[in-house]
Amino acid sequence: MPEDDVDRIVSAWRRERPELDVAPLEILSRVSRLARRLDLARGKAFAEHRLDGWEFDVLSALRRAGAPYELSPGQLVTETLVTSGTMTNRVDRLLARGFVERHPAPRDRRGVIVRLTPAGMRTVDAALDDLLAHERDLLAELPHGERTSLAAHLRVLLTPFEAPD
């Protein structure tokens, strides 16, 4: 198996600090470095559709909600892990691009809902299609059974971070 940057980093730490167990770096440094590289690759995929990553996040949250493809701003905050002030700004910007609409909330006269427009749906669907094709290519060298196992192991690591406070 070829050596990667993490192998070199871990080796250097073992040389410099032999009293430490640096084994966690072998996994978590790879996860961290992979996440940064995937963010860059995803950014390129979204840019082909003239989207920023945050725009894809909001549009895809609405798309996943199912017909009529709408959520409250609070639900969007929960789905995208940003503050309500940030979400207000993001919705305003997506509204200006014609990707979403604001409508009065049917059960709360003071509230609003954010709804995906047909243009927003076309854009997010096309970006998702391209993203998935690219990500399938990235995983092509990993046999299906190993992908399933890796997904399960990563779920174990991620779940405690997503548990309700």
C-alpha atoms as a PDB file:
ATOM      1  CA  MET A   1       0.000   0.000   0.000  1.00  0.00           C
ATOM      2  CA  PRO A   2       1.415   3.428  -0.900  1.00  0.00           C
ATOM      3  CA  GLU A   3       2.432   5.856   1.834  1.00  0.00           C
ATOM      4  CA  ASP A   4       0.440   9.060   2.239  1.00  0.00           C
ATOM      5  CA  ASP A   5       1.027  12.358   4.032  1.00  0.00           C
ATOM      6  CA  VAL A   6      -0.579  11.037   7.217  1.00  0.00           C
ATOM      7  CA  ASP A   7       1.889   8.141   7.334  1.00  0.00           C
ATOM      8  CA  ARG A   8       4.718  10.669   7.226  1.00  0.00           C
ATOM      9  CA  ILE A   9       3.111  12.871   9.898  1.00  0.00           C
ATOM     10  CA  VAL A  10       2.474   9.926  12.230  1.00  0.00           C
ATOM     11  CA  SER A  11       6.001   8.632  11.706  1.00  0.00           C
ATOM     12  CA  ALA A  12       7.453  12.023  12.578  1.00  0.00           C
ATOM     13  CA  TRP A  13       5.359  12.265  15.749  1.00  0.00           C
ATOM     14  CA  ARG A  14       6.372   8.773  16.790  1.00  0.00           C
ATOM     15  CA  ARG A  15      10.006   9.758  16.324  1.00  0.00           C
ATOM     16  CA  GLU A  16       9.645  13.070  18.180  1.00  0.00           C
ATOM     17  CA  ARG A  17       7.203  11.961  20.892  1.00  0.00           C
ATOM     18  CA  PRO A  18       7.623   8.181  21.299  1.00  0.00           C
ATOM     19  CA  GLU A  19       5.847   8.260  24.659  1.00  0.00           C
ATOM     20  CA  LEU A  20       2.540   9.255  22.993  1.00  0.00           C
ATOM     21  CA  ASP A  21      -0.001   6.958  21.377  1.00  0.00           C
ATOM     22  CA  VAL A  22      -0.540   8.791  18.098  1.00  0.00           C
ATOM     23  CA  ALA A  23      -2.678   6.017  16.574  1.00  0.00           C
ATOM     24  CA  PRO A  24      -5.845   8.217  16.504  1.00  0.00           C
ATOM     25  CA  LEU A  25      -4.074  10.436  13.964  1.00  0.00           C
ATOM     26  CA  GLU A  26      -3.952   7.529  11.529  1.00  0.00           C
ATOM     27  CA  ILE A  27      -7.736   7.616  11.247  1.00  0.00           C
ATOM     28  CA  LEU A  28      -8.885  11.092  12.190  1.00  0.00           C
ATOM     29  CA  SER A  29      -6.186  13.000  10.315  1.00  0.00           C
ATOM     30  CA  ARG A  30      -7.163  11.087   7.197  1.00  0.00           C
ATOM     31  CA  VAL A  31     -10.835  11.890   7.789  1.00  0.00           C
ATOM     32  CA  SER A  32      -9.971  15.561   8.289  1.00  0.00           C
ATOM     33  CA  ARG A  33      -7.743  15.776   5.216  1.00  0.00           C
ATOM     34  CA  LEU A  34     -10.289  13.893   3.111  1.00  0.00           C
ATOM     35  CA  ALA A  35     -13.058  16.246   4.280  1.00  0.00           C
ATOM     36  CA  ARG A  36     -11.031  19.285   3.183  1.00  0.00           C
ATOM     37  CA  ARG A  37     -10.317  17.749  -0.212  1.00  0.00           C
ATOM     38  CA  LEU A  38     -13.957  16.719  -0.674  1.00  0.00           C
ATOM     39  CA  ASP A  39     -15.093  20.240   0.197  1.00  0.00           C
ATOM     40  CA  LEU A  40     -12.838  21.578  -2.555  1.00  0.00           C
ATOM     41  CA  ALA A  41     -14.058  18.969  -5.044  1.00  0.00           C
ATOM     42  CA  ARG A  42     -17.689  19.632  -4.137  1.00  0.00           C
ATOM     43  CA  GLY A  43     -17.074  23.357  -4.526  1.00  0.00           C
ATOM     44  CA  LYS A  44     -15.890  22.723  -8.088  1.00  0.00           C
ATOM     45  CA  ALA A  45     -18.944  20.573  -8.839  1.00  0.00           C
ATOM     46  CA  PHE A  46     -21.295  23.253  -7.498  1.00  0.00           C
ATOM     47  CA  ALA A  47     -19.434  26.022  -9.335  1.00  0.00           C
ATOM     48  CA  GLU A  48     -20.263  24.292 -12.618  1.00  0.00           C
ATOM     49  CA  HIS A  49     -23.883  25.114 -11.772  1.00  0.00           C
ATOM     50  CA  ARG A  50     -22.980  28.593 -10.503  1.00  0.00           C
ATOM     51  CA  LEU A  51     -23.763  27.576  -6.920  1.00  0.00           C
ATOM     52  CA  ASP A  52     -21.870  28.022  -3.701  1.00  0.00           C
ATOM     53  CA  GLY A  53     -21.821  25.118  -1.273  1.00  0.00           C
ATOM     54  CA  TRP A  54     -24.182  26.901   1.108  1.00  0.00           C
ATOM     55  CA  GLU A  55     -26.660  27.464  -1.734  1.00  0.00           C
ATOM     56  CA  PHE A  56     -26.624  23.761  -2.526  1.00  0.00           C
ATOM     57  CA  ASP A  57     -27.150  22.982   1.177  1.00  0.00           C
ATOM     58  CA  VAL A  58     -30.263  25.148   1.444  1.00  0.00           C
ATOM     59  CA  LEU A  59     -31.710  24.107  -1.915  1.00  0.00           C
ATOM     60  CA  SER A  60     -31.094  20.436  -1.239  1.00  0.00           C
ATOM     61  CA  ALA A  61     -32.740  20.695   2.210  1.00  0.00           C
ATOM     62  CA  LEU A  62     -35.847  22.066   0.509  1.00  0.00           C
ATOM     63  CA  ARG A  63     -35.692  19.417  -2.240  1.00  0.00           C
ATOM     64  CA  ARG A  64     -35.387  16.581   0.295  1.00  0.00           C
ATOM     65  CA  ALA A  65     -38.440  17.902   2.165  1.00  0.00           C
ATOM     66  CA  GLY A  66     -40.651  16.554  -0.612  1.00  0.00           C
ATOM     67  CA  ALA A  67     -43.579  18.235  -2.320  1.00  0.00           C
ATOM     68  CA  PRO A  68     -44.373  21.096  -1.973  1.00  0.00           C
ATOM     69  CA  TYR A  69     -40.618  21.510  -1.254  1.00  0.00           C
ATOM     70  CA  GLU A  70     -40.924  23.986   1.574  1.00  0.00           C
ATOM     71  CA  LEU A  71     -39.598  24.446   5.097  1.00  0.00           C
ATOM     72  CA  SER A  72     -39.758  27.113   7.747  1.00  0.00           C
ATOM     73  CA  PRO A  73     -36.620  29.192   8.289  1.00  0.00           C
ATOM     74  CA  GLY A  74     -36.216  27.399  11.637  1.00  0.00           C
ATOM     75  CA  GLN A  75     -36.300  24.013   9.928  1.00  0.00           C
ATOM     76  CA  LEU A  76     -33.699  25.244   7.427  1.00  0.00           C
ATOM     77  CA  VAL A  77     -31.483  26.368  10.317  1.00  0.00           C
ATOM     78  CA  THR A  78     -31.715  22.873  11.803  1.00  0.00           C
ATOM     79  CA  GLU A  79     -31.024  21.198   8.460  1.00  0.00           C
ATOM     80  CA  THR A  80     -28.005  23.349   7.570  1.00  0.00           C
ATOM     81  CA  LEU A  81     -26.457  24.015  11.001  1.00  0.00           C
ATOM     82  CA  VAL A  82     -26.287  27.808  10.706  1.00  0.00           C
ATOM     83  CA  THR A  83     -27.715  30.648  12.798  1.00  0.00           C
ATOM     84  CA  SER A  84     -31.097  32.195  12.086  1.00  0.00           C
ATOM     85  CA  GLY A  85     -29.430  35.476  11.048  1.00  0.00           C
ATOM     86  CA  THR A  86     -27.242  33.631   8.581  1.00  0.00           C
ATOM     87  CA  MET A  87     -30.268  31.775   7.218  1.00  0.00           C
ATOM     88  CA  THR A  88     -32.205  35.013   6.705  1.00  0.00           C
ATOM     89  CA  ASN A  89     -29.323  36.349   4.620  1.00  0.00           C
ATOM     90  CA  ARG A  90     -29.084  33.114   2.651  1.00  0.00           C
ATOM     91  CA  VAL A  91     -32.787  32.986   1.907  1.00  0.00           C
ATOM     92  CA  ASP A  92     -32.668  36.625   0.749  1.00  0.00           C
ATOM     93  CA  ARG A  93     -29.837  35.821  -1.644  1.00  0.00           C
ATOM     94  CA  LEU A  94     -31.564  32.697  -3.007  1.00  0.00           C
ATOM     95  CA  LEU A  95     -34.769  34.709  -3.404  1.00  0.00           C
ATOM     96  CA  ALA A  96     -32.869  37.272  -5.498  1.00  0.00           C
ATOM     97  CA  ARG A  97     -31.619  34.460  -7.749  1.00  0.00           C
ATOM     98  CA  GLY A  98     -35.140  33.107  -8.239  1.00  0.00           C
ATOM     99  CA  PHE A  99     -34.376  29.775  -6.546  1.00  0.00           C
ATOM    100  CA  VAL A 100     -36.813  30.159  -3.626  1.00  0.00           C
ATOM    101  CA  GLU A 101     -39.969  32.033  -2.697  1.00  0.00           C
ATOM    102  CA  ARG A 102     -41.262  33.205   0.665  1.00  0.00           C
ATOM    103  CA  HIS A 103     -44.896  32.551   1.539  1.00  0.00           C
ATOM    104  CA  PRO A 104     -46.956  33.198   4.665  1.00  0.00           C
ATOM    105  CA  ALA A 105     -47.029  30.189   6.948  1.00  0.00           C
ATOM    106  CA  PRO A 106     -50.492  28.647   6.691  1.00  0.00           C
ATOM    107  CA  ARG A 107     -50.845  28.005  10.443  1.00  0.00           C
ATOM    108  CA  ASP A 108     -48.982  31.046  11.797  1.00  0.00           C
ATOM    109  CA  ARG A 109     -49.872  34.486  10.460  1.00  0.00           C
ATOM    110  CA  ARG A 110     -46.539  35.913  11.644  1.00  0.00           C
ATOM    111  CA  GLY A 111     -44.419  33.111  10.201  1.00  0.00           C
ATOM    112  CA  VAL A 112     -43.150  32.379   6.736  1.00  0.00           C
ATOM    113  CA  ILE A 113     -42.197  29.321   4.782  1.00  0.00           C
ATOM    114  CA  VAL A 114     -39.493  29.075   2.158  1.00  0.00           C
ATOM    115  CA  ARG A 115     -40.432  27.176  -0.992  1.00  0.00           C
ATOM    116  CA  LEU A 116     -38.225  25.889  -3.772  1.00  0.00           C
ATOM    117  CA  THR A 117     -39.055  27.332  -7.200  1.00  0.00           C
ATOM    118  CA  PRO A 118     -38.958  25.303 -10.424  1.00  0.00           C
ATOM    119  CA  ALA A 119     -35.653  27.032 -11.295  1.00  0.00           C
ATOM    120  CA  GLY A 120     -34.268  26.113  -7.881  1.00  0.00           C
ATOM    121  CA  MET A 121     -35.363  22.519  -8.347  1.00  0.00           C
ATOM    122  CA  ARG A 122     -33.767  22.239 -11.797  1.00  0.00           C
ATOM    123  CA  THR A 123     -30.532  23.707 -10.465  1.00  0.00           C
ATOM    124  CA  VAL A 124     -30.267  21.554  -7.346  1.00  0.00           C
ATOM    125  CA  ASP A 125     -31.236  18.400  -9.254  1.00  0.00           C
ATOM    126  CA  ALA A 126     -28.594  19.016 -11.929  1.00  0.00           C
ATOM    127  CA  ALA A 127     -25.932  19.820  -9.323  1.00  0.00           C
ATOM    128  CA  LEU A 128     -26.793  16.663  -7.363  1.00  0.00           C
ATOM    129  CA  ASP A 129     -26.617  14.504 -10.495  1.00  0.00           C
ATOM    130  CA  ASP A 130     -23.134  15.810 -11.291  1.00  0.00           C
ATOM    131  CA  LEU A 131     -21.974  15.596  -7.675  1.00  0.00           C
ATOM    132  CA  LEU A 132     -23.053  11.971  -7.374  1.00  0.00           C
ATOM    133  CA  ALA A 133     -21.357  11.019 -10.631  1.00  0.00           C
ATOM    134  CA  HIS A 134     -18.123  12.599  -9.398  1.00  0.00           C
ATOM    135  CA  GLU A 135     -18.372  10.976  -5.972  1.00  0.00           C
ATOM    136  CA  ARG A 136     -19.105   7.555  -7.494  1.00  0.00           C
ATOM    137  CA  ASP A 137     -15.874   7.950  -9.459  1.00  0.00           C
ATOM    138  CA  LEU A 138     -13.998   8.756  -6.245  1.00  0.00           C
ATOM    139  CA  LEU A 139     -15.288   5.571  -4.615  1.00  0.00           C
ATOM    140  CA  ALA A 140     -14.801   3.322  -7.654  1.00  0.00           C
ATOM    141  CA  GLU A 141     -11.587   1.732  -6.327  1.00  0.00           C
ATOM    142  CA  LEU A 142     -13.262   0.715  -3.068  1.00  0.00           C
ATOM    143  CA  PRO A 143     -15.216  -2.576  -3.325  1.00  0.00           C
ATOM    144  CA  HIS A 144     -18.925  -2.321  -2.487  1.00  0.00           C
ATOM    145  CA  GLY A 145     -18.637  -4.368   0.719  1.00  0.00           C
ATOM    146  CA  GLU A 146     -15.848  -2.121   1.979  1.00  0.00           C
ATOM    147  CA  ARG A 147     -17.908   0.967   1.183  1.00  0.00           C
ATOM    148  CA  THR A 148     -20.744  -0.411   3.281  1.00  0.00           C
ATOM    149  CA  SER A 149     -18.378  -1.219   6.125  1.00  0.00           C
ATOM    150  CA  LEU A 150     -16.685   2.175   5.946  1.00  0.00           C
ATOM    151  CA  ALA A 151     -20.060   3.948   5.990  1.00  0.00           C
ATOM    152  CA  ALA A 152     -21.056   1.973   9.096  1.00  0.00           C
ATOM    153  CA  HIS A 153     -17.801   2.778  10.899  1.00  0.00           C
ATOM    154  CA  LEU A 154     -18.039   6.469  10.033  1.00  0.00           C
ATOM    155  CA  ARG A 155     -21.646   6.495  11.301  1.00  0.00           C
ATOM    156  CA  VAL A 156     -20.406   5.210  14.667  1.00  0.00           C
ATOM    157  CA  LEU A 157     -17.912   8.085  14.846  1.00  0.00           C
ATOM    158  CA  LEU A 158     -20.357  10.750  13.672  1.00  0.00           C
ATOM    159  CA  THR A 159     -23.457   9.838  15.694  1.00  0.00           C
ATOM    160  CA  PRO A 160     -22.274  11.238  19.059  1.00  0.00           C
ATOM    161  CA  PHE A 161     -21.740  14.645  17.430  1.00  0.00           C
ATOM    162  CA  GLU A 162     -25.282  14.663  16.097  1.00  0.00           C
ATOM    163  CA  ALA A 163     -27.004  13.520  19.287  1.00  0.00           C
ATOM    164  CA  PRO A 164     -29.426  16.098  20.715  1.00  0.00           C
ATOM    165  CA  ASP A 165     -27.986  18.154  23.555  1.00  0.00           C
END
